[in-house]
Amino acid sequence: MENQLEYYTETGKYRDKFDQGFPTMAAYTAFRQAVYKDGALNLKTKRLIALACGLMASCIRCVQGQARDAINAGATKDEILEAVAVAVIMGGTAVSAETWRVVKVLEELGKW
């Protein structure tokens, strides 16, 4: 089974290459950075929401990155599992089938 964080890092290089080749993506990058600043919601809460959204969207990189970023923002294993459970309730079997990725990222980070 592939290492989820290595996959995230390797595929990110190609996303970055695309961004460099299409300079308009700089506006999206600035928007993304602004969204994740503390505001009415703190960074940890935003990362937990983003993790659930990533699962709902079936976005592999989103799930990998947001699980890691939620931990880095101070989320606990239990908080992550609850956010994932909300996504499962909303998305059903298709979301449940991808929860293994979250568990694997948590294992890779030594949080499981």
C-alpha atoms as a PDB file:
ATOM      1  CA  MET A   1       0.000   0.000   0.000  1.00  0.00           C
ATOM      2  CA  GLU A   2       1.459   3.323  -1.009  1.00  0.00           C
ATOM      3  CA  ASN A   3       2.581   5.890   1.506  1.00  0.00           C
ATOM      4  CA  GLN A   4      -0.122   8.558   1.491  1.00  0.00           C
ATOM      5  CA  LEU A   5       2.127  11.460   2.448  1.00  0.00           C
ATOM      6  CA  GLU A   6       4.739  10.525  -0.172  1.00  0.00           C
ATOM      7  CA  TYR A   7       1.972  10.353  -2.797  1.00  0.00           C
ATOM      8  CA  TYR A   8       0.764  13.784  -1.690  1.00  0.00           C
ATOM      9  CA  THR A   9       4.241  15.277  -1.915  1.00  0.00           C
ATOM     10  CA  GLU A  10       5.071  13.712  -5.287  1.00  0.00           C
ATOM     11  CA  THR A  11       1.796  14.663  -6.967  1.00  0.00           C
ATOM     12  CA  GLY A  12       2.084  18.135  -5.487  1.00  0.00           C
ATOM     13  CA  LYS A  13       5.211  18.696  -7.544  1.00  0.00           C
ATOM     14  CA  TYR A  14       3.134  18.309 -10.713  1.00  0.00           C
ATOM     15  CA  ARG A  15       0.411  20.570  -9.388  1.00  0.00           C
ATOM     16  CA  ASP A  16       3.094  23.168  -8.672  1.00  0.00           C
ATOM     17  CA  LYS A  17       4.496  22.709 -12.170  1.00  0.00           C
ATOM     18  CA  PHE A  18       1.034  23.364 -13.603  1.00  0.00           C
ATOM     19  CA  ASP A  19       0.695  26.470 -11.449  1.00  0.00           C
ATOM     20  CA  GLN A  20       4.036  27.759 -12.748  1.00  0.00           C
ATOM     21  CA  GLY A  21       3.005  27.059 -16.333  1.00  0.00           C
ATOM     22  CA  PHE A  22      -0.307  28.847 -15.905  1.00  0.00           C
ATOM     23  CA  PRO A  23       0.428  32.068 -13.967  1.00  0.00           C
ATOM     24  CA  THR A  24      -3.244  32.863 -13.400  1.00  0.00           C
ATOM     25  CA  MET A  25      -3.151  30.181 -10.690  1.00  0.00           C
ATOM     26  CA  ALA A  26      -1.323  32.718  -8.501  1.00  0.00           C
ATOM     27  CA  ALA A  27      -4.702  34.336  -7.836  1.00  0.00           C
ATOM     28  CA  TYR A  28      -6.114  31.003  -6.657  1.00  0.00           C
ATOM     29  CA  THR A  29      -3.077  30.432  -4.434  1.00  0.00           C
ATOM     30  CA  ALA A  30      -3.529  33.861  -2.842  1.00  0.00           C
ATOM     31  CA  PHE A  31      -7.236  33.140  -2.315  1.00  0.00           C
ATOM     32  CA  ARG A  32      -6.478  29.753  -0.723  1.00  0.00           C
ATOM     33  CA  GLN A  33      -3.907  31.304   1.625  1.00  0.00           C
ATOM     34  CA  ALA A  34      -6.366  34.022   2.666  1.00  0.00           C
ATOM     35  CA  VAL A  35      -9.161  31.524   3.325  1.00  0.00           C
ATOM     36  CA  TYR A  36      -7.008  29.515   5.730  1.00  0.00           C
ATOM     37  CA  LYS A  37      -6.136  32.506   7.916  1.00  0.00           C
ATOM     38  CA  ASP A  38      -7.852  32.656  11.293  1.00  0.00           C
ATOM     39  CA  GLY A  39     -11.100  34.587  11.122  1.00  0.00           C
ATOM     40  CA  ALA A  40     -14.523  33.778  12.524  1.00  0.00           C
ATOM     41  CA  LEU A  41     -13.286  30.161  12.316  1.00  0.00           C
ATOM     42  CA  ASN A  42      -9.815  29.157  13.418  1.00  0.00           C
ATOM     43  CA  LEU A  43      -7.389  27.249  11.194  1.00  0.00           C
ATOM     44  CA  LYS A  44      -8.016  23.905  12.899  1.00  0.00           C
ATOM     45  CA  THR A  45     -11.769  24.147  12.337  1.00  0.00           C
ATOM     46  CA  LYS A  46     -11.251  25.158   8.707  1.00  0.00           C
ATOM     47  CA  ARG A  47      -8.930  22.185   8.117  1.00  0.00           C
ATOM     48  CA  LEU A  48     -11.467  19.783   9.643  1.00  0.00           C
ATOM     49  CA  ILE A  49     -14.182  21.202   7.393  1.00  0.00           C
ATOM     50  CA  ALA A  50     -11.841  20.956   4.401  1.00  0.00           C
ATOM     51  CA  LEU A  51     -11.080  17.324   5.236  1.00  0.00           C
ATOM     52  CA  ALA A  52     -14.789  16.482   5.259  1.00  0.00           C
ATOM     53  CA  CYS A  53     -15.281  18.395   2.000  1.00  0.00           C
ATOM     54  CA  GLY A  54     -12.322  16.612   0.414  1.00  0.00           C
ATOM     55  CA  LEU A  55     -13.833  13.258   1.290  1.00  0.00           C
ATOM     56  CA  MET A  56     -17.187  14.361  -0.136  1.00  0.00           C
ATOM     57  CA  ALA A  57     -15.473  15.497  -3.352  1.00  0.00           C
ATOM     58  CA  SER A  58     -13.518  12.211  -3.685  1.00  0.00           C
ATOM     59  CA  CYS A  59     -10.300  14.235  -3.872  1.00  0.00           C
ATOM     60  CA  ILE A  60      -7.405  11.978  -2.881  1.00  0.00           C
ATOM     61  CA  ARG A  61      -4.884  14.825  -2.503  1.00  0.00           C
ATOM     62  CA  CYS A  62      -7.411  16.829  -0.487  1.00  0.00           C
ATOM     63  CA  VAL A  63      -7.932  13.971   1.956  1.00  0.00           C
ATOM     64  CA  GLN A  64      -4.210  13.358   2.358  1.00  0.00           C
ATOM     65  CA  GLY A  65      -3.256  17.002   2.692  1.00  0.00           C
ATOM     66  CA  GLN A  66      -6.139  18.130   4.847  1.00  0.00           C
ATOM     67  CA  ALA A  67      -5.689  15.237   7.282  1.00  0.00           C
ATOM     68  CA  ARG A  68      -2.025  16.222   7.652  1.00  0.00           C
ATOM     69  CA  ASP A  69      -2.843  19.925   7.828  1.00  0.00           C
ATOM     70  CA  ALA A  70      -5.554  19.359  10.451  1.00  0.00           C
ATOM     71  CA  ILE A  71      -3.010  17.560  12.658  1.00  0.00           C
ATOM     72  CA  ASN A  72      -0.507  20.365  12.069  1.00  0.00           C
ATOM     73  CA  ALA A  73      -3.205  22.882  13.065  1.00  0.00           C
ATOM     74  CA  GLY A  74      -3.692  21.078  16.381  1.00  0.00           C
ATOM     75  CA  ALA A  75      -6.564  18.706  15.635  1.00  0.00           C
ATOM     76  CA  THR A  76      -6.634  15.516  17.649  1.00  0.00           C
ATOM     77  CA  LYS A  77      -7.263  12.057  16.271  1.00  0.00           C
ATOM     78  CA  ASP A  78     -10.745  12.142  17.813  1.00  0.00           C
ATOM     79  CA  GLU A  79     -11.568  15.503  16.214  1.00  0.00           C
ATOM     80  CA  ILE A  80     -10.464  14.195  12.839  1.00  0.00           C
ATOM     81  CA  LEU A  81     -12.505  11.024  13.231  1.00  0.00           C
ATOM     82  CA  GLU A  82     -15.601  13.057  14.120  1.00  0.00           C
ATOM     83  CA  ALA A  83     -15.151  15.312  11.084  1.00  0.00           C
ATOM     84  CA  VAL A  84     -14.746  12.222   8.907  1.00  0.00           C
ATOM     85  CA  ALA A  85     -17.857  10.675  10.471  1.00  0.00           C
ATOM     86  CA  VAL A  86     -19.861  13.767   9.476  1.00  0.00           C
ATOM     87  CA  ALA A  87     -18.632  13.349   5.899  1.00  0.00           C
ATOM     88  CA  VAL A  88     -19.635   9.665   5.975  1.00  0.00           C
ATOM     89  CA  ILE A  89     -23.134  10.563   7.199  1.00  0.00           C
ATOM     90  CA  MET A  90     -23.497  13.104   4.397  1.00  0.00           C
ATOM     91  CA  GLY A  91     -21.849  11.035   1.657  1.00  0.00           C
ATOM     92  CA  GLY A  92     -22.547   7.429   2.586  1.00  0.00           C
ATOM     93  CA  THR A  93     -20.673   4.430   1.256  1.00  0.00           C
ATOM     94  CA  ALA A  94     -18.612   6.333  -1.323  1.00  0.00           C
ATOM     95  CA  VAL A  95     -17.101   8.463   1.453  1.00  0.00           C
ATOM     96  CA  SER A  96     -16.797   5.553   3.861  1.00  0.00           C
ATOM     97  CA  ALA A  97     -14.745   3.681   1.264  1.00  0.00           C
ATOM     98  CA  GLU A  98     -12.040   6.377   1.380  1.00  0.00           C
ATOM     99  CA  THR A  99     -11.752   6.766   5.160  1.00  0.00           C
ATOM    100  CA  TRP A 100      -8.814   4.346   5.113  1.00  0.00           C
ATOM    101  CA  ARG A 101      -6.693   7.135   3.659  1.00  0.00           C
ATOM    102  CA  VAL A 102      -7.261   9.253   6.752  1.00  0.00           C
ATOM    103  CA  VAL A 103      -6.328   6.353   9.025  1.00  0.00           C
ATOM    104  CA  LYS A 104      -3.188   5.714   6.969  1.00  0.00           C
ATOM    105  CA  VAL A 105      -2.123   9.388   7.127  1.00  0.00           C
ATOM    106  CA  LEU A 106      -2.669   9.374  10.892  1.00  0.00           C
ATOM    107  CA  GLU A 107      -0.551   6.217  11.141  1.00  0.00           C
ATOM    108  CA  GLU A 108       2.187   7.778   9.015  1.00  0.00           C
ATOM    109  CA  LEU A 109       2.197  10.815  11.309  1.00  0.00           C
ATOM    110  CA  GLY A 110       2.316   8.597  14.417  1.00  0.00           C
ATOM    111  CA  LYS A 111      -1.114   9.803  15.546  1.00  0.00           C
ATOM    112  CA  TRP A 112      -2.979   6.469  15.384  1.00  0.00           C
END
